[in-house]
Amino acid sequence: MSNKKNTSKDKNNLDNNKEIKELLKENNNKEEIAEEISHNKKIADILGNRLANKNFFPPC
């Protein structure tokens, strides 16, 4: 049960990222968000780390 609480805290910490919030406020549709990610290395790194932590990528 405590593991579940830790997981939700980690998720909240990731969701509270200022850069991601600004990205979502400034862009209205998926195409604009994708374009911004491709141009902004900091946001791309943040999202890449999130995907890697959630095991969406197969292990090498």
PDB file of N, CA and C in Angstrom:
ATOM      1  N   MET A   1       0.823  -1.187   0.000  1.00  0.00           N
ATOM      2  CA  MET A   1       0.000   0.000   0.000  1.00  0.00           C
ATOM      3  C   MET A   1       0.865   1.248   0.000  1.00  0.00           C
ATOM      4  N   SER A   2       1.945   1.251   0.775  1.00  0.00           N
ATOM      5  CA  SER A   2       2.831   2.418   0.787  1.00  0.00           C
ATOM      6  C   SER A   2       3.534   2.583  -0.555  1.00  0.00           C
ATOM      7  N   ASN A   3       3.774   1.468  -1.261  1.00  0.00           N
ATOM      8  CA  ASN A   3       4.379   1.543  -2.587  1.00  0.00           C
ATOM      9  C   ASN A   3       3.466   2.295  -3.546  1.00  0.00           C
ATOM     10  N   LYS A   4       2.170   2.088  -3.412  1.00  0.00           N
ATOM     11  CA  LYS A   4       1.201   2.783  -4.250  1.00  0.00           C
ATOM     12  C   LYS A   4       1.250   4.285  -3.985  1.00  0.00           C
ATOM     13  N   LYS A   5       1.396   4.677  -2.718  1.00  0.00           N
ATOM     14  CA  LYS A   5       1.478   6.093  -2.363  1.00  0.00           C
ATOM     15  C   LYS A   5       2.736   6.718  -2.950  1.00  0.00           C
ATOM     16  N   ASN A   6       3.850   6.011  -2.887  1.00  0.00           N
ATOM     17  CA  ASN A   6       5.099   6.527  -3.446  1.00  0.00           C
ATOM     18  C   ASN A   6       4.984   6.718  -4.951  1.00  0.00           C
ATOM     19  N   THR A   7       4.322   5.811  -5.614  1.00  0.00           N
ATOM     20  CA  THR A   7       4.143   5.910  -7.056  1.00  0.00           C
ATOM     21  C   THR A   7       3.323   7.135  -7.415  1.00  0.00           C
ATOM     22  N   SER A   8       2.263   7.392  -6.661  1.00  0.00           N
ATOM     23  CA  SER A   8       1.430   8.558  -6.954  1.00  0.00           C
ATOM     24  C   SER A   8       2.186   9.848  -6.672  1.00  0.00           C
ATOM     25  N   LYS A   9       3.046   9.868  -5.656  1.00  0.00           N
ATOM     26  CA  LYS A   9       3.858  11.058  -5.373  1.00  0.00           C
ATOM     27  C   LYS A   9       4.838  11.310  -6.506  1.00  0.00           C
ATOM     28  N   ASP A  10       5.466  10.254  -7.016  1.00  0.00           N
ATOM     29  CA  ASP A  10       6.399  10.401  -8.132  1.00  0.00           C
ATOM     30  C   ASP A  10       5.680  10.935  -9.363  1.00  0.00           C
ATOM     31  N   LYS A  11       4.492  10.433  -9.621  1.00  0.00           N
ATOM     32  CA  LYS A  11       3.726  10.883 -10.776  1.00  0.00           C
ATOM     33  C   LYS A  11       3.373  12.359 -10.633  1.00  0.00           C
ATOM     34  N   ASN A  12       2.984  12.780  -9.434  1.00  0.00           N
ATOM     35  CA  ASN A  12       2.663  14.184  -9.209  1.00  0.00           C
ATOM     36  C   ASN A  12       3.886  15.061  -9.404  1.00  0.00           C
ATOM     37  N   ASN A  13       5.043  14.604  -8.964  1.00  0.00           N
ATOM     38  CA  ASN A  13       6.269  15.380  -9.157  1.00  0.00           C
ATOM     39  C   ASN A  13       6.576  15.555 -10.632  1.00  0.00           C
ATOM     40  N   LEU A  14       6.382  14.514 -11.429  1.00  0.00           N
ATOM     41  CA  LEU A  14       6.623  14.622 -12.861  1.00  0.00           C
ATOM     42  C   LEU A  14       5.624  15.566 -13.517  1.00  0.00           C
ATOM     43  N   ASP A  15       4.378  15.509 -13.082  1.00  0.00           N
ATOM     44  CA  ASP A  15       3.343  16.338 -13.684  1.00  0.00           C
ATOM     45  C   ASP A  15       3.462  17.802 -13.288  1.00  0.00           C
ATOM     46  N   ASN A  16       4.214  18.094 -12.246  1.00  0.00           N
ATOM     47  CA  ASN A  16       4.361  19.469 -11.799  1.00  0.00           C
ATOM     48  C   ASN A  16       5.520  20.181 -12.489  1.00  0.00           C
ATOM     49  N   ASN A  17       6.036  19.622 -13.542  1.00  0.00           N
ATOM     50  CA  ASN A  17       7.165  20.211 -14.243  1.00  0.00           C
ATOM     51  C   ASN A  17       6.739  21.495 -14.962  1.00  0.00           C
ATOM     52  N   LYS A  18       7.429  22.595 -14.687  1.00  0.00           N
ATOM     53  CA  LYS A  18       7.060  23.910 -15.233  1.00  0.00           C
ATOM     54  C   LYS A  18       7.102  23.944 -16.753  1.00  0.00           C
ATOM     55  N   GLU A  19       8.117  23.352 -17.349  1.00  0.00           N
ATOM     56  CA  GLU A  19       8.254  23.393 -18.804  1.00  0.00           C
ATOM     57  C   GLU A  19       7.090  22.693 -19.502  1.00  0.00           C
ATOM     58  N   ILE A  20       6.675  21.568 -18.954  1.00  0.00           N
ATOM     59  CA  ILE A  20       5.575  20.819 -19.563  1.00  0.00           C
ATOM     60  C   ILE A  20       4.266  21.593 -19.421  1.00  0.00           C
ATOM     61  N   LYS A  21       4.054  22.209 -18.262  1.00  0.00           N
ATOM     62  CA  LYS A  21       2.831  22.997 -18.071  1.00  0.00           C
ATOM     63  C   LYS A  21       2.775  24.154 -19.055  1.00  0.00           C
ATOM     64  N   GLU A  22       3.915  24.836 -19.244  1.00  0.00           N
ATOM     65  CA  GLU A  22       3.957  25.945 -20.198  1.00  0.00           C
ATOM     66  C   GLU A  22       3.693  25.448 -21.617  1.00  0.00           C
ATOM     67  N   LEU A  23       4.269  24.311 -21.961  1.00  0.00           N
ATOM     68  CA  LEU A  23       4.057  23.732 -23.290  1.00  0.00           C
ATOM     69  C   LEU A  23       2.576  23.472 -23.541  1.00  0.00           C
ATOM     70  N   LEU A  24       1.899  22.899 -22.558  1.00  0.00           N
ATOM     71  CA  LEU A  24       0.488  22.570 -22.732  1.00  0.00           C
ATOM     72  C   LEU A  24      -0.389  23.817 -22.767  1.00  0.00           C
ATOM     73  N   LYS A  25       0.002  24.863 -22.047  1.00  0.00           N
ATOM     74  CA  LYS A  25      -0.779  26.102 -22.057  1.00  0.00           C
ATOM     75  C   LYS A  25      -0.636  26.836 -23.386  1.00  0.00           C
ATOM     76  N   GLU A  26       0.565  26.831 -23.953  1.00  0.00           N
ATOM     77  CA  GLU A  26       0.845  27.607 -25.157  1.00  0.00           C
ATOM     78  C   GLU A  26       0.326  26.943 -26.427  1.00  0.00           C
ATOM     79  N   ASN A  27       0.213  25.631 -26.445  1.00  0.00           N
ATOM     80  CA  ASN A  27      -0.145  24.900 -27.663  1.00  0.00           C
ATOM     81  C   ASN A  27      -1.487  24.202 -27.493  1.00  0.00           C
ATOM     82  N   ASN A  28      -2.309  24.309 -28.523  1.00  0.00           N
ATOM     83  CA  ASN A  28      -3.675  23.807 -28.426  1.00  0.00           C
ATOM     84  C   ASN A  28      -3.881  22.412 -28.992  1.00  0.00           C
ATOM     85  N   ASN A  29      -3.118  22.033 -30.007  1.00  0.00           N
ATOM     86  CA  ASN A  29      -3.374  20.723 -30.610  1.00  0.00           C
ATOM     87  C   ASN A  29      -2.109  19.871 -30.636  1.00  0.00           C
ATOM     88  N   LYS A  30      -2.270  18.618 -31.016  1.00  0.00           N
ATOM     89  CA  LYS A  30      -1.164  17.661 -30.986  1.00  0.00           C
ATOM     90  C   LYS A  30      -0.030  18.061 -31.912  1.00  0.00           C
ATOM     91  N   GLU A  31      -0.362  18.621 -33.064  1.00  0.00           N
ATOM     92  CA  GLU A  31       0.670  19.000 -34.031  1.00  0.00           C
ATOM     93  C   GLU A  31       1.565  20.110 -33.477  1.00  0.00           C
ATOM     94  N   GLU A  32       0.957  21.091 -32.813  1.00  0.00           N
ATOM     95  CA  GLU A  32       1.737  22.183 -32.229  1.00  0.00           C
ATOM     96  C   GLU A  32       2.638  21.674 -31.110  1.00  0.00           C
ATOM     97  N   ILE A  33       2.112  20.771 -30.294  1.00  0.00           N
ATOM     98  CA  ILE A  33       2.904  20.207 -29.204  1.00  0.00           C
ATOM     99  C   ILE A  33       4.066  19.394 -29.765  1.00  0.00           C
ATOM    100  N   ALA A  34       3.818  18.581 -30.777  1.00  0.00           N
ATOM    101  CA  ALA A  34       4.878  17.773 -31.387  1.00  0.00           C
ATOM    102  C   ALA A  34       5.953  18.656 -32.004  1.00  0.00           C
ATOM    103  N   GLU A  35       5.547  19.739 -32.648  1.00  0.00           N
ATOM    104  CA  GLU A  35       6.519  20.654 -33.250  1.00  0.00           C
ATOM    105  C   GLU A  35       7.375  21.322 -32.175  1.00  0.00           C
ATOM    106  N   GLU A  36       6.751  21.724 -31.083  1.00  0.00           N
ATOM    107  CA  GLU A  36       7.491  22.362 -29.993  1.00  0.00           C
ATOM    108  C   GLU A  36       8.482  21.382 -29.367  1.00  0.00           C
ATOM    109  N   ILE A  37       8.078  20.133 -29.199  1.00  0.00           N
ATOM    110  CA  ILE A  37       8.970  19.115 -28.636  1.00  0.00           C
ATOM    111  C   ILE A  37      10.172  18.913 -29.550  1.00  0.00           C
ATOM    112  N   SER A  38       9.944  18.894 -30.853  1.00  0.00           N
ATOM    113  CA  SER A  38      11.043  18.659 -31.789  1.00  0.00           C
ATOM    114  C   SER A  38      12.017  19.835 -31.829  1.00  0.00           C
ATOM    115  N   HIS A  39      11.569  21.025 -31.455  1.00  0.00           N
ATOM    116  CA  HIS A  39      12.437  22.201 -31.484  1.00  0.00           C
ATOM    117  C   HIS A  39      13.073  22.511 -30.131  1.00  0.00           C
ATOM    118  N   ASN A  40      12.513  21.982 -29.044  1.00  0.00           N
ATOM    119  CA  ASN A  40      12.981  22.317 -27.708  1.00  0.00           C
ATOM    120  C   ASN A  40      13.635  21.091 -27.072  1.00  0.00           C
ATOM    121  N   LYS A  41      14.962  21.120 -26.964  1.00  0.00           N
ATOM    122  CA  LYS A  41      15.707  19.970 -26.457  1.00  0.00           C
ATOM    123  C   LYS A  41      15.374  19.665 -24.998  1.00  0.00           C
ATOM    124  N   LYS A  42      15.172  20.693 -24.184  1.00  0.00           N
ATOM    125  CA  LYS A  42      14.896  20.475 -22.767  1.00  0.00           C
ATOM    126  C   LYS A  42      13.592  19.695 -22.578  1.00  0.00           C
ATOM    127  N   ILE A  43      12.559  20.093 -23.295  1.00  0.00           N
ATOM    128  CA  ILE A  43      11.276  19.396 -23.197  1.00  0.00           C
ATOM    129  C   ILE A  43      11.394  17.987 -23.768  1.00  0.00           C
ATOM    130  N   ALA A  44      12.128  17.838 -24.854  1.00  0.00           N
ATOM    131  CA  ALA A  44      12.318  16.513 -25.448  1.00  0.00           C
ATOM    132  C   ALA A  44      13.026  15.577 -24.470  1.00  0.00           C
ATOM    133  N   ASP A  45      14.024  16.088 -23.747  1.00  0.00           N
ATOM    134  CA  ASP A  45      14.728  15.273 -22.757  1.00  0.00           C
ATOM    135  C   ASP A  45      13.805  14.859 -21.612  1.00  0.00           C
ATOM    136  N   ILE A  46      12.980  15.799 -21.154  1.00  0.00           N
ATOM    137  CA  ILE A  46      12.052  15.494 -20.063  1.00  0.00           C
ATOM    138  C   ILE A  46      11.087  14.390 -20.478  1.00  0.00           C
ATOM    139  N   LEU A  47      10.507  14.528 -21.661  1.00  0.00           N
ATOM    140  CA  LEU A  47       9.551  13.518 -22.127  1.00  0.00           C
ATOM    141  C   LEU A  47      10.235  12.185 -22.411  1.00  0.00           C
ATOM    142  N   GLY A  48      11.460  12.232 -22.927  1.00  0.00           N
ATOM    143  CA  GLY A  48      12.208  11.000 -23.161  1.00  0.00           C
ATOM    144  C   GLY A  48      12.478  10.254 -21.869  1.00  0.00           C
ATOM    145  N   ASN A  49      12.828  10.994 -20.815  1.00  0.00           N
ATOM    146  CA  ASN A  49      13.058  10.367 -19.512  1.00  0.00           C
ATOM    147  C   ASN A  49      11.781   9.757 -18.956  1.00  0.00           C
ATOM    148  N   ARG A  50      10.666  10.446 -19.138  1.00  0.00           N
ATOM    149  CA  ARG A  50       9.385   9.901 -18.668  1.00  0.00           C
ATOM    150  C   ARG A  50       9.053   8.596 -19.374  1.00  0.00           C
ATOM    151  N   LEU A  51       9.234   8.573 -20.686  1.00  0.00           N
ATOM    152  CA  LEU A  51       8.938   7.353 -21.442  1.00  0.00           C
ATOM    153  C   LEU A  51       9.876   6.219 -21.044  1.00  0.00           C
ATOM    154  N   ALA A  52      11.150   6.532 -20.841  1.00  0.00           N
ATOM    155  CA  ALA A  52      12.115   5.508 -20.455  1.00  0.00           C
ATOM    156  C   ALA A  52      11.787   4.948 -19.072  1.00  0.00           C
ATOM    157  N   ASN A  53      11.349   5.804 -18.160  1.00  0.00           N
ATOM    158  CA  ASN A  53      11.010   5.346 -16.812  1.00  0.00           C
ATOM    159  C   ASN A  53       9.751   4.494 -16.795  1.00  0.00           C
ATOM    160  N   LYS A  54       8.871   4.685 -17.736  1.00  0.00           N
ATOM    161  CA  LYS A  54       7.634   3.902 -17.784  1.00  0.00           C
ATOM    162  C   LYS A  54       7.805   2.628 -18.601  1.00  0.00           C
ATOM    163  N   ASN A  55       9.017   2.338 -19.041  1.00  0.00           N
ATOM    164  CA  ASN A  55       9.344   1.108 -19.767  1.00  0.00           C
ATOM    165  C   ASN A  55       8.589   0.973 -21.083  1.00  0.00           C
ATOM    166  N   PHE A  56       8.400   2.065 -21.792  1.00  0.00           N
ATOM    167  CA  PHE A  56       7.816   1.998 -23.121  1.00  0.00           C
ATOM    168  C   PHE A  56       8.853   1.545 -24.148  1.00  0.00           C
ATOM    169  N   PHE A  57      10.127   1.637 -23.789  1.00  0.00           N
ATOM    170  CA  PHE A  57      11.190   1.222 -24.696  1.00  0.00           C
ATOM    171  C   PHE A  57      11.692  -0.147 -24.266  1.00  0.00           C
ATOM    172  N   PRO A  58      11.920  -1.056 -25.199  1.00  0.00           N
ATOM    173  CA  PRO A  58      12.427  -2.381 -24.818  1.00  0.00           C
ATOM    174  C   PRO A  58      13.871  -2.282 -24.325  1.00  0.00           C
ATOM    175  N   PRO A  59      14.241  -3.132 -23.376  1.00  0.00           N
ATOM    176  CA  PRO A  59      15.630  -3.113 -22.897  1.00  0.00           C
ATOM    177  C   PRO A  59      16.587  -3.581 -23.987  1.00  0.00           C
ATOM    178  N   CYS A  60      17.758  -3.026 -23.987  1.00  0.00           N
ATOM    179  CA  CYS A  60      18.755  -3.383 -25.007  1.00  0.00           C
ATOM    180  C   CYS A  60      19.481  -4.653 -24.640  1.00  0.00           C
TER     181      CYS A  60
END
